[in-house]
N, C-alpha and C. Protein backbone atom coordinates (compact mmCIF):
# COMPACT_ATOMS: atom_id res chain seq x y z
N UNK A 1 57.60 155.98 73.43
CA UNK A 1 56.51 156.33 72.21
C UNK A 1 55.19 155.66 72.75
N UNK A 2 54.10 156.37 72.49
CA UNK A 2 52.88 155.73 72.84
C UNK A 2 52.35 154.87 71.66
N UNK A 3 51.40 154.15 71.82
CA UNK A 3 50.67 153.35 70.89
C UNK A 3 50.27 154.08 69.43
N UNK A 4 49.70 155.55 69.84
CA UNK A 4 49.22 155.88 68.45
C UNK A 4 50.29 156.71 67.80
N UNK A 5 51.41 157.06 68.61
CA UNK A 5 52.43 157.63 67.71
C UNK A 5 53.25 156.40 66.76
N UNK A 6 53.42 155.26 67.67
CA UNK A 6 53.88 154.01 66.79
C UNK A 6 53.01 153.92 65.54
N UNK A 7 51.75 153.38 65.68
CA UNK A 7 50.84 153.47 64.64
C UNK A 7 50.90 154.46 63.59
N UNK A 8 50.95 155.49 63.88
CA UNK A 8 50.93 156.95 63.15
C UNK A 8 52.39 156.60 62.04
N UNK A 9 53.55 156.46 62.77
CA UNK A 9 54.70 156.21 62.15
C UNK A 9 54.81 155.11 61.18
N UNK A 10 54.08 154.16 61.88
CA UNK A 10 54.07 153.06 61.16
C UNK A 10 53.19 153.28 59.74
N UNK A 11 52.49 153.74 59.68
CA UNK A 11 51.25 154.14 58.59
C UNK A 11 51.98 155.00 57.71
N UNK A 12 52.84 155.89 58.31
CA UNK A 12 53.67 157.03 57.21
C UNK A 12 54.64 156.04 56.67
N UNK A 13 55.53 155.18 57.48
CA UNK A 13 56.30 154.39 56.67
C UNK A 13 55.83 153.54 55.66
N UNK A 14 54.68 153.06 55.99
CA UNK A 14 54.10 152.05 54.63
C UNK A 14 53.58 152.86 53.70
N UNK A 15 53.69 154.13 53.07
CA UNK A 15 53.12 154.87 52.17
C UNK A 15 52.93 153.74 51.08
N UNK A 16 53.96 153.27 50.40
CA UNK A 16 54.03 152.34 49.37
C UNK A 16 53.23 151.18 49.21
N UNK A 17 52.47 150.46 50.47
CA UNK A 17 51.96 149.60 50.27
C UNK A 17 50.00 150.05 50.20
N UNK A 18 49.72 148.76 49.98
CA UNK A 18 48.08 148.89 49.42
C UNK A 18 47.36 149.76 51.15
N UNK A 19 46.39 150.37 50.63
CA UNK A 19 45.58 150.67 52.03
C UNK A 19 45.01 149.50 52.72
N UNK A 20 44.80 148.29 51.93
CA UNK A 20 44.08 147.38 52.68
C UNK A 20 45.39 146.72 53.66
N UNK A 21 46.57 146.43 52.58
CA UNK A 21 47.73 146.16 53.74
C UNK A 21 48.09 146.82 54.86
N UNK A 22 48.13 148.18 54.68
CA UNK A 22 48.17 149.00 55.83
C UNK A 22 47.16 149.14 56.82
N UNK A 23 46.27 148.50 56.73
CA UNK A 23 44.95 148.47 57.62
C UNK A 23 45.33 147.37 58.36
N UNK A 24 45.55 146.17 57.65
CA UNK A 24 45.71 144.83 58.77
C UNK A 24 47.08 145.09 59.17
N UNK A 25 47.99 145.44 58.92
CA UNK A 25 49.15 145.58 59.58
C UNK A 25 49.16 146.67 61.00
N UNK A 26 48.36 147.59 60.50
CA UNK A 26 47.81 148.50 61.85
C UNK A 26 47.15 147.80 62.77
N UNK A 27 46.15 147.14 62.32
CA UNK A 27 45.26 146.58 63.10
C UNK A 27 46.14 145.69 64.00
N UNK A 28 46.86 144.87 63.53
CA UNK A 28 47.53 143.91 63.66
C UNK A 28 48.32 144.58 65.13
N UNK A 29 48.99 145.36 64.98
CA UNK A 29 49.78 146.02 65.84
C UNK A 29 48.74 146.80 66.74
N UNK A 30 47.94 147.43 66.49
CA UNK A 30 46.93 148.31 67.55
C UNK A 30 46.45 146.62 68.71
N UNK A 31 46.00 145.56 68.00
CA UNK A 31 45.69 144.39 68.87
C UNK A 31 47.14 144.21 70.14
N UNK A 32 47.78 144.00 69.41
CA UNK A 32 49.35 143.21 69.90
C UNK A 32 49.47 143.99 71.13
N UNK A 33 49.91 145.53 70.99
CA UNK A 33 49.84 146.36 72.02
C UNK A 33 49.09 146.19 72.85
N UNK A 34 47.73 146.45 72.36
CA UNK A 34 46.33 146.62 73.52
C UNK A 34 46.39 145.35 74.24
N UNK A 35 46.71 143.96 73.69
CA UNK A 35 46.72 142.84 74.68
C UNK A 35 48.08 143.01 75.47
N UNK A 36 49.03 143.31 75.05
CA UNK A 36 50.21 143.85 76.23
C UNK A 36 49.75 144.51 77.18
N UNK A 37 49.19 145.84 77.00
CA UNK A 37 48.71 146.80 78.26
C UNK A 37 47.57 146.10 78.80
N UNK A 38 46.63 145.25 78.26
CA UNK A 38 45.66 144.47 79.19
C UNK A 38 46.55 143.45 80.06
N UNK A 39 47.50 143.09 79.92
CA UNK A 39 48.40 141.94 80.39
C UNK A 39 49.13 142.46 81.47
N UNK A 40 49.15 143.99 81.51
CA UNK A 40 49.72 144.78 82.78
C UNK A 40 51.07 145.30 82.15
N UNK A 41 51.39 144.98 80.96
CA UNK A 41 52.96 145.25 80.37
C UNK A 41 52.84 147.00 80.03
N UNK A 42 53.87 147.53 80.31
CA UNK A 42 54.20 149.16 80.23
C UNK A 42 54.16 149.29 78.50
N UNK A 43 53.40 150.20 78.20
CA UNK A 43 52.93 150.43 77.14
C UNK A 43 54.27 150.72 76.04
N UNK A 44 55.28 151.70 76.59
CA UNK A 44 56.21 152.37 75.96
C UNK A 44 57.45 151.25 75.76
N UNK A 45 57.65 150.23 76.84
CA UNK A 45 58.69 149.36 76.96
C UNK A 45 58.15 148.35 76.03
N UNK A 46 56.85 148.02 75.87
CA UNK A 46 56.68 146.89 74.73
C UNK A 46 56.71 147.36 73.50
N UNK A 47 56.51 148.48 73.06
CA UNK A 47 56.82 148.99 71.76
C UNK A 47 58.11 149.16 71.38
N UNK A 48 59.01 149.44 72.25
CA UNK A 48 60.31 149.21 72.23
C UNK A 48 60.79 147.51 72.01
N UNK A 49 60.41 146.98 72.49
CA UNK A 49 60.39 145.21 72.26
C UNK A 49 60.14 144.98 70.83
N UNK A 50 59.02 145.59 70.13
CA UNK A 50 58.74 145.07 68.81
C UNK A 50 59.91 145.52 67.91
N UNK A 51 60.86 146.52 68.24
CA UNK A 51 61.69 146.63 67.35
C UNK A 51 61.41 148.21 66.41
N UNK A 52 62.30 149.06 65.68
CA UNK A 52 62.15 150.28 65.12
C UNK A 52 61.49 149.92 64.21
N UNK A 53 60.74 150.97 64.07
CA UNK A 53 59.51 151.42 62.90
C UNK A 53 60.40 151.05 61.74
N UNK A 54 61.68 151.49 61.44
CA UNK A 54 62.44 151.73 60.17
C UNK A 54 62.47 149.85 60.11
N UNK A 55 62.64 148.88 60.97
CA UNK A 55 63.03 147.65 60.79
C UNK A 55 61.91 146.90 60.32
N UNK A 56 60.73 147.37 61.38
CA UNK A 56 59.46 146.40 60.95
C UNK A 56 59.20 146.68 59.47
N UNK A 57 59.13 148.03 58.71
CA UNK A 57 58.93 148.34 57.56
C UNK A 57 59.63 147.64 56.15
N UNK A 58 61.13 147.41 56.59
CA UNK A 58 61.89 146.89 56.06
C UNK A 58 61.72 145.57 55.93
N UNK A 59 61.33 144.82 57.18
CA UNK A 59 60.82 143.61 57.07
C UNK A 59 59.42 143.26 56.16
N UNK A 60 58.50 144.18 56.78
CA UNK A 60 57.26 143.91 55.59
C UNK A 60 57.96 144.08 54.25
N UNK A 61 58.79 144.66 53.66
CA UNK A 61 58.82 145.12 52.23
C UNK A 61 59.78 143.67 51.91
N UNK A 62 60.34 143.10 52.64
CA UNK A 62 61.53 142.15 52.07
C UNK A 62 60.96 140.59 52.49
N UNK A 63 59.96 140.73 53.52
CA UNK A 63 59.87 139.44 53.92
C UNK A 63 58.13 139.30 53.92
N UNK A 64 57.71 138.52 52.75
CA UNK A 64 56.22 138.22 52.50
C UNK A 64 55.71 137.01 53.73
N UNK A 65 56.51 136.45 54.18
CA UNK A 65 55.99 135.48 55.32
C UNK A 65 55.38 136.46 56.30
N UNK A 66 56.30 137.47 56.65
CA UNK A 66 55.97 137.94 57.88
C UNK A 66 54.33 138.87 57.51
N UNK A 67 54.17 139.26 56.22
CA UNK A 67 53.02 139.87 56.00
C UNK A 67 51.97 139.07 55.98
N UNK A 68 51.97 137.64 55.64
CA UNK A 68 51.13 136.64 55.57
C UNK A 68 50.89 136.20 56.97
N UNK A 69 51.80 136.26 57.90
CA UNK A 69 51.60 135.88 59.41
C UNK A 69 50.90 136.97 60.02
N UNK A 70 51.19 138.30 59.58
CA UNK A 70 50.27 139.26 60.34
C UNK A 70 48.95 139.03 60.01
N UNK A 71 48.53 138.91 58.27
CA UNK A 71 47.21 138.81 58.12
C UNK A 71 46.33 137.69 58.69
N UNK A 72 47.33 136.26 58.77
CA UNK A 72 46.77 134.88 59.68
C UNK A 72 46.62 135.25 61.20
N UNK A 73 47.18 136.45 61.72
CA UNK A 73 47.17 136.78 63.25
C UNK A 73 47.76 135.83 63.88
N UNK A 74 48.91 135.35 63.25
CA UNK A 74 50.18 134.55 64.17
C UNK A 74 50.85 135.37 65.07
N UNK A 75 50.94 135.13 66.30
CA UNK A 75 51.66 135.90 67.15
C UNK A 75 53.12 135.77 66.46
N UNK A 76 53.66 136.68 66.13
CA UNK A 76 54.81 136.78 65.11
C UNK A 76 55.82 138.05 65.65
N UNK A 77 57.09 137.96 66.21
CA UNK A 77 57.72 139.07 67.01
C UNK A 77 58.60 139.23 66.07
N UNK A 78 59.22 140.54 65.62
CA UNK A 78 60.45 140.75 65.01
C UNK A 78 61.86 140.06 65.60
N UNK A 79 61.87 140.12 66.84
CA UNK A 79 62.81 139.69 67.73
C UNK A 79 63.20 138.22 67.25
N UNK A 80 61.88 137.43 66.72
CA UNK A 80 62.55 135.95 66.72
C UNK A 80 62.89 135.70 65.28
N UNK A 81 62.93 136.83 64.32
CA UNK A 81 63.19 136.73 62.72
C UNK A 81 64.48 136.41 62.66
N UNK A 82 65.66 136.87 63.50
CA UNK A 82 66.95 136.30 63.49
C UNK A 82 67.45 135.21 63.94
N UNK A 83 68.11 134.47 63.44
CA UNK A 83 68.74 133.06 64.39
C UNK A 83 69.69 133.59 65.48
N UNK A 84 70.10 132.87 66.19
CA UNK A 84 71.18 133.19 67.43
C UNK A 84 72.78 133.18 66.46
N UNK A 85 73.00 132.47 65.62
CA UNK A 85 74.09 132.78 64.76
C UNK A 85 74.10 134.03 64.05
N UNK A 86 73.20 134.77 63.62
CA UNK A 86 73.13 136.02 62.93
C UNK A 86 73.25 136.91 63.83
N UNK A 87 72.76 136.64 64.99
CA UNK A 87 72.67 137.77 66.08
C UNK A 87 74.26 138.10 66.68
N UNK A 88 74.78 136.81 66.97
CA UNK A 88 76.33 136.75 67.06
C UNK A 88 77.19 137.45 65.96
N UNK A 89 77.07 137.04 65.18
CA UNK A 89 77.69 137.77 64.17
C UNK A 89 77.71 139.27 63.95
N UNK A 90 76.37 139.43 64.07
CA UNK A 90 75.86 140.73 64.18
C UNK A 90 76.52 141.50 65.03
N UNK A 91 76.61 141.11 66.44
CA UNK A 91 77.12 141.81 67.55
C UNK A 91 78.47 142.29 67.54
N UNK A 92 79.22 140.68 66.90
CA UNK A 92 80.55 140.92 66.85
C UNK A 92 81.26 141.85 65.69
N UNK A 93 80.49 142.08 64.52
CA UNK A 93 80.91 142.77 63.86
C UNK A 93 80.40 144.24 64.12
N UNK A 94 79.38 144.46 64.50
CA UNK A 94 79.14 145.69 65.01
C UNK A 94 79.96 146.24 66.17
N UNK A 95 80.41 145.33 66.96
CA UNK A 95 81.30 145.60 68.24
C UNK A 95 83.10 146.06 67.78
N UNK A 96 83.11 145.46 66.60
CA UNK A 96 84.39 145.79 65.91
C UNK A 96 84.08 147.05 65.47
N UNK A 97 83.04 147.77 65.03
CA UNK A 97 83.00 148.85 64.17
C UNK A 97 82.81 149.81 65.10
N UNK A 98 82.29 149.81 66.22
CA UNK A 98 81.98 150.39 67.13
C UNK A 98 83.48 150.73 67.87
N UNK A 99 84.17 150.03 68.40
CA UNK A 99 85.43 149.83 68.70
C UNK A 99 86.23 150.77 67.95
N UNK A 100 86.29 150.43 66.46
CA UNK A 100 87.39 151.25 65.81
C UNK A 100 86.77 152.56 65.88
N UNK A 101 85.34 152.79 65.65
CA UNK A 101 84.96 154.33 65.59
C UNK A 101 85.28 155.18 66.59
N UNK A 102 84.94 154.13 67.93
CA UNK A 102 85.02 154.79 69.11
C UNK A 102 86.57 155.09 69.31
N UNK A 103 87.69 154.40 68.81
CA UNK A 103 89.09 154.99 68.81
C UNK A 103 89.06 155.90 68.05
N UNK A 104 88.61 155.78 66.92
CA UNK A 104 89.05 157.26 65.80
C UNK A 104 88.67 158.57 66.74
N UNK A 105 87.30 158.46 67.31
CA UNK A 105 86.56 159.44 67.67
C UNK A 105 87.38 160.05 68.95
N UNK A 106 88.01 158.94 69.93
CA UNK A 106 88.60 159.37 71.02
C UNK A 106 89.82 160.00 70.41
N UNK A 107 90.69 159.49 69.62
CA UNK A 107 91.91 160.05 69.11
C UNK A 107 91.79 161.61 68.50
N UNK A 108 90.17 161.93 67.74
CA UNK A 108 90.29 163.09 67.32
C UNK A 108 89.81 164.08 68.31
N UNK A 109 88.95 163.77 69.43
CA UNK A 109 88.82 164.65 70.61
C UNK A 109 90.05 164.89 71.20
N UNK A 110 90.93 164.00 71.64
CA UNK A 110 91.93 164.23 72.48
C UNK A 110 93.26 165.06 71.78
N UNK A 111 93.23 164.57 70.34
CA UNK A 111 94.26 165.55 69.66
C UNK A 111 93.70 167.10 69.32
N UNK A 112 92.49 166.91 68.95
CA UNK A 112 91.78 168.55 69.08
C UNK A 112 91.84 169.51 70.16
N UNK A 113 91.52 168.60 71.35
CA UNK A 113 91.81 169.30 72.51
C UNK A 113 92.95 169.77 73.17
N UNK A 114 94.09 168.97 72.60
CA UNK A 114 95.36 169.40 73.12
C UNK A 114 96.02 170.10 72.22
N UNK A 115 95.64 169.87 70.74
CA UNK A 115 96.05 171.27 70.19
C UNK A 115 95.62 172.97 70.21
N UNK A 116 94.18 172.69 70.79
CA UNK A 116 93.72 174.00 71.44
C UNK A 116 94.46 174.32 72.15
N UNK A 117 94.46 173.61 73.33
CA UNK A 117 95.22 174.07 74.44
C UNK A 117 96.82 174.51 74.43
N UNK A 118 97.49 173.64 73.95
CA UNK A 118 99.10 174.09 73.53
C UNK A 118 98.73 175.16 72.53
N UNK A 119 98.15 175.38 71.77
CA UNK A 119 98.43 176.56 70.67
C UNK A 119 97.29 177.68 71.65
N UNK A 120 96.62 177.35 72.45
CA UNK A 120 96.22 178.84 73.18
C UNK A 120 97.21 179.29 73.95
N UNK A 121 97.63 178.32 74.72
CA UNK A 121 98.97 178.84 75.42
C UNK A 121 100.12 179.68 74.55
N UNK A 122 100.42 179.06 73.56
CA UNK A 122 101.53 179.60 72.93
C UNK A 122 101.06 181.15 72.17
N UNK A 123 99.54 180.75 71.86
CA UNK A 123 99.08 182.51 71.52
C UNK A 123 99.00 183.06 72.53
N UNK A 124 98.64 183.22 73.30
CA UNK A 124 98.51 183.97 74.64
C UNK A 124 100.16 184.53 74.91
N UNK A 125 101.12 183.85 74.65
CA UNK A 125 102.55 184.23 75.12
C UNK A 125 103.08 185.34 74.14
N UNK A 126 102.62 184.72 72.81
CA UNK A 126 102.82 185.29 71.34
C UNK A 126 102.28 186.71 71.22
N UNK A 127 100.96 186.86 72.13
CA UNK A 127 100.01 188.30 72.05
C UNK A 127 101.43 189.05 73.02
N UNK A 128 101.64 188.13 74.11
CA UNK A 128 102.03 189.06 75.16
C UNK A 128 103.22 189.86 74.99
N UNK A 129 104.07 188.87 74.15
CA UNK A 129 105.68 189.30 74.19
C UNK A 129 105.76 190.17 72.69
N UNK A 130 104.33 190.25 72.15
CA UNK A 130 104.70 190.81 70.86
C UNK A 130 105.32 190.39 69.71
N UNK A 131 105.04 189.05 69.51
CA UNK A 131 105.51 188.31 68.31
C UNK A 131 104.71 188.85 66.89
N UNK A 132 105.24 188.32 65.64
CA UNK A 132 104.91 188.81 64.64
C UNK A 132 103.49 188.28 64.48
N UNK A 133 102.59 189.07 63.41
CA UNK A 133 101.46 188.72 63.60
C UNK A 133 101.63 187.29 62.44
N UNK A 134 102.55 186.67 61.69
CA UNK A 134 102.24 185.56 61.25
C UNK A 134 102.26 184.42 62.30
N UNK A 135 103.22 184.50 63.54
CA UNK A 135 103.20 183.68 64.45
C UNK A 135 101.74 183.48 65.22
N UNK A 136 101.21 184.85 65.26
CA UNK A 136 99.73 184.83 66.27
C UNK A 136 98.59 184.03 65.25
N UNK A 137 99.10 184.60 63.98
CA UNK A 137 97.59 183.55 62.95
C UNK A 137 98.17 182.12 62.77
N UNK A 138 99.34 181.93 62.86
CA UNK A 138 99.75 180.49 63.12
C UNK A 138 98.85 179.64 64.11
N UNK A 139 99.16 180.30 65.28
CA UNK A 139 98.47 179.82 66.51
C UNK A 139 96.93 179.84 66.56
N UNK A 140 96.67 180.89 66.07
CA UNK A 140 95.03 181.06 65.98
C UNK A 140 94.36 179.78 65.04
N UNK A 141 95.24 179.66 63.92
CA UNK A 141 94.69 178.77 62.71
C UNK A 141 94.85 177.43 63.58
N UNK A 142 95.85 177.16 64.21
CA UNK A 142 95.94 175.85 64.87
C UNK A 142 94.78 175.38 66.16
N UNK A 143 94.38 176.33 66.96
CA UNK A 143 93.30 176.56 67.45
C UNK A 143 92.10 175.87 66.91
N UNK A 144 92.05 176.69 65.33
CA UNK A 144 90.86 176.39 64.80
C UNK A 144 90.67 174.95 64.21
N UNK A 145 91.83 174.73 63.84
CA UNK A 145 92.06 173.15 63.57
C UNK A 145 91.84 172.28 64.56
N UNK A 146 92.45 172.46 65.75
CA UNK A 146 92.10 171.82 66.73
C UNK A 146 90.69 171.29 67.37
N UNK A 147 89.97 172.55 66.96
CA UNK A 147 88.59 172.78 67.35
C UNK A 147 87.89 171.78 66.26
N UNK A 148 88.07 171.96 64.79
CA UNK A 148 87.34 171.21 64.04
C UNK A 148 87.70 169.65 64.30
N UNK A 149 88.84 169.03 64.81
CA UNK A 149 89.06 167.78 65.09
C UNK A 149 88.27 167.51 66.45
N UNK A 150 88.34 168.34 67.24
CA UNK A 150 87.53 168.12 68.50
C UNK A 150 85.80 168.13 68.02
N UNK A 151 85.39 168.74 67.38
CA UNK A 151 84.08 168.64 66.79
C UNK A 151 83.62 166.97 65.84
N UNK A 152 84.47 167.08 65.17
CA UNK A 152 84.17 165.90 64.49
C UNK A 152 84.26 164.43 65.33
N UNK A 153 85.26 164.56 66.20
CA UNK A 153 85.43 163.49 67.23
C UNK A 153 84.11 163.20 67.97
N UNK A 154 83.56 164.67 68.27
CA UNK A 154 82.24 164.67 69.21
C UNK A 154 80.98 163.83 68.27
N UNK A 155 81.04 164.51 67.17
CA UNK A 155 80.08 163.99 66.23
C UNK A 155 80.00 162.60 66.17
N UNK A 156 81.45 161.90 65.88
CA UNK A 156 81.43 160.53 65.54
C UNK A 156 80.83 160.03 66.99
N UNK A 157 81.14 160.41 68.26
CA UNK A 157 80.40 159.61 69.17
C UNK A 157 78.94 159.89 69.54
N UNK A 158 78.85 161.14 68.95
CA UNK A 158 77.24 161.44 69.04
C UNK A 158 76.29 160.12 68.01
N UNK A 159 76.83 159.81 66.83
CA UNK A 159 76.59 159.18 65.90
C UNK A 159 76.38 157.74 66.45
N UNK A 160 77.54 157.52 67.13
CA UNK A 160 77.47 156.22 67.80
C UNK A 160 76.60 155.62 68.35
N UNK A 161 76.12 156.67 69.49
CA UNK A 161 75.22 156.61 70.33
C UNK A 161 73.92 156.46 69.97
N UNK A 162 73.61 157.32 68.81
CA UNK A 162 72.31 157.50 68.31
C UNK A 162 72.16 156.35 67.07
N UNK A 163 73.02 156.06 66.20
CA UNK A 163 72.60 155.14 65.28
C UNK A 163 72.91 153.47 65.07
N UNK A 164 73.80 153.14 66.50
CA UNK A 164 74.49 152.00 66.68
C UNK A 164 73.25 150.76 66.51
N UNK A 165 72.04 151.15 67.09
CA UNK A 165 71.15 150.05 67.34
C UNK A 165 70.55 150.04 65.83
N UNK A 166 70.11 150.90 65.19
CA UNK A 166 69.63 150.96 63.83
C UNK A 166 70.42 150.15 62.89
N UNK A 167 71.82 150.51 62.76
CA UNK A 167 73.14 150.07 62.24
C UNK A 167 73.28 148.44 62.51
N UNK A 168 72.70 148.02 63.90
CA UNK A 168 72.88 146.50 64.31
C UNK A 168 71.72 146.00 63.38
N UNK A 169 70.52 146.31 63.33
CA UNK A 169 69.28 145.72 62.85
C UNK A 169 69.73 145.81 61.37
N UNK A 170 70.24 146.55 60.61
CA UNK A 170 70.55 146.53 59.47
C UNK A 170 71.85 145.59 58.86
N UNK A 171 72.65 145.61 59.56
CA UNK A 171 73.79 144.47 59.33
C UNK A 171 73.30 143.07 60.03
N UNK A 172 72.22 142.85 60.93
CA UNK A 172 71.89 141.64 61.02
C UNK A 172 70.81 141.21 59.65
N UNK A 173 70.10 142.08 59.46
CA UNK A 173 69.30 141.80 58.00
C UNK A 173 70.37 141.43 57.15
N UNK A 174 71.44 142.30 56.81
CA UNK A 174 72.44 142.02 55.55
C UNK A 174 72.96 140.28 55.64
N UNK A 175 73.35 140.23 57.14
CA UNK A 175 73.89 138.77 57.24
C UNK A 175 73.04 137.96 56.90
N UNK A 176 71.76 137.84 57.68
CA UNK A 176 70.79 137.01 57.91
C UNK A 176 70.71 136.97 55.88
N UNK A 177 70.34 137.66 55.28
CA UNK A 177 70.26 137.52 53.67
C UNK A 177 71.20 136.78 52.86
N UNK A 178 72.50 136.92 53.26
CA UNK A 178 73.77 136.45 52.94
C UNK A 178 73.78 134.71 53.28
N UNK A 179 73.30 134.68 54.60
CA UNK A 179 73.39 133.20 54.95
C UNK A 179 71.98 132.56 54.21
N UNK A 180 71.09 133.03 54.20
CA UNK A 180 70.19 132.59 53.45
C UNK A 180 70.54 132.39 51.67
N UNK A 181 71.25 132.99 51.17
CA UNK A 181 71.63 132.74 49.56
C UNK A 181 72.98 131.71 49.96
N UNK A 182 73.62 131.90 50.81
CA UNK A 182 74.73 130.46 50.70
C UNK A 182 73.96 129.52 50.69
N UNK A 183 73.18 129.09 51.58
CA UNK A 183 72.28 128.00 52.22
C UNK A 183 71.30 127.57 50.93
N UNK A 184 71.30 128.43 49.99
CA UNK A 184 70.02 127.81 48.72
C UNK A 184 70.96 126.84 47.63
């Protein structure tokens, strides 16, 4: 993503904020990105280091200190918001979730694939040997069920690949808020 896309999406996501606040935050990020580019950093890599736009917007909505720091032009990066302990807890929890969902997805893919293959072979022999339509329909239905399981398993893998980073950020925010509440 380039700077202009980033700023546009950030501005769209802050539609509930005042125009002045949106302008200040957009100007801050514009200057931050431009400084990084001027210092020889790759634009897309630096924007990725800033964190997701969703996370920035959630931080703006929940952390008034962040907005104050932006207004005062302090060098404030989202990556420094969370303490090391929160990151460790977040990665551990997300690792358990990813392992569990990955195992379920793998089980569904292998079960669905094996059902399709086994019933496909049985269906082939049922058609060749002229078995009853009930047997043929049963094997065709089992193939459909296997295909459904396979697709659900593949969807789980797709979700894991696309959403795990965003979910990690949300999980860390949740853990951080719980730790803050316990500390008060």
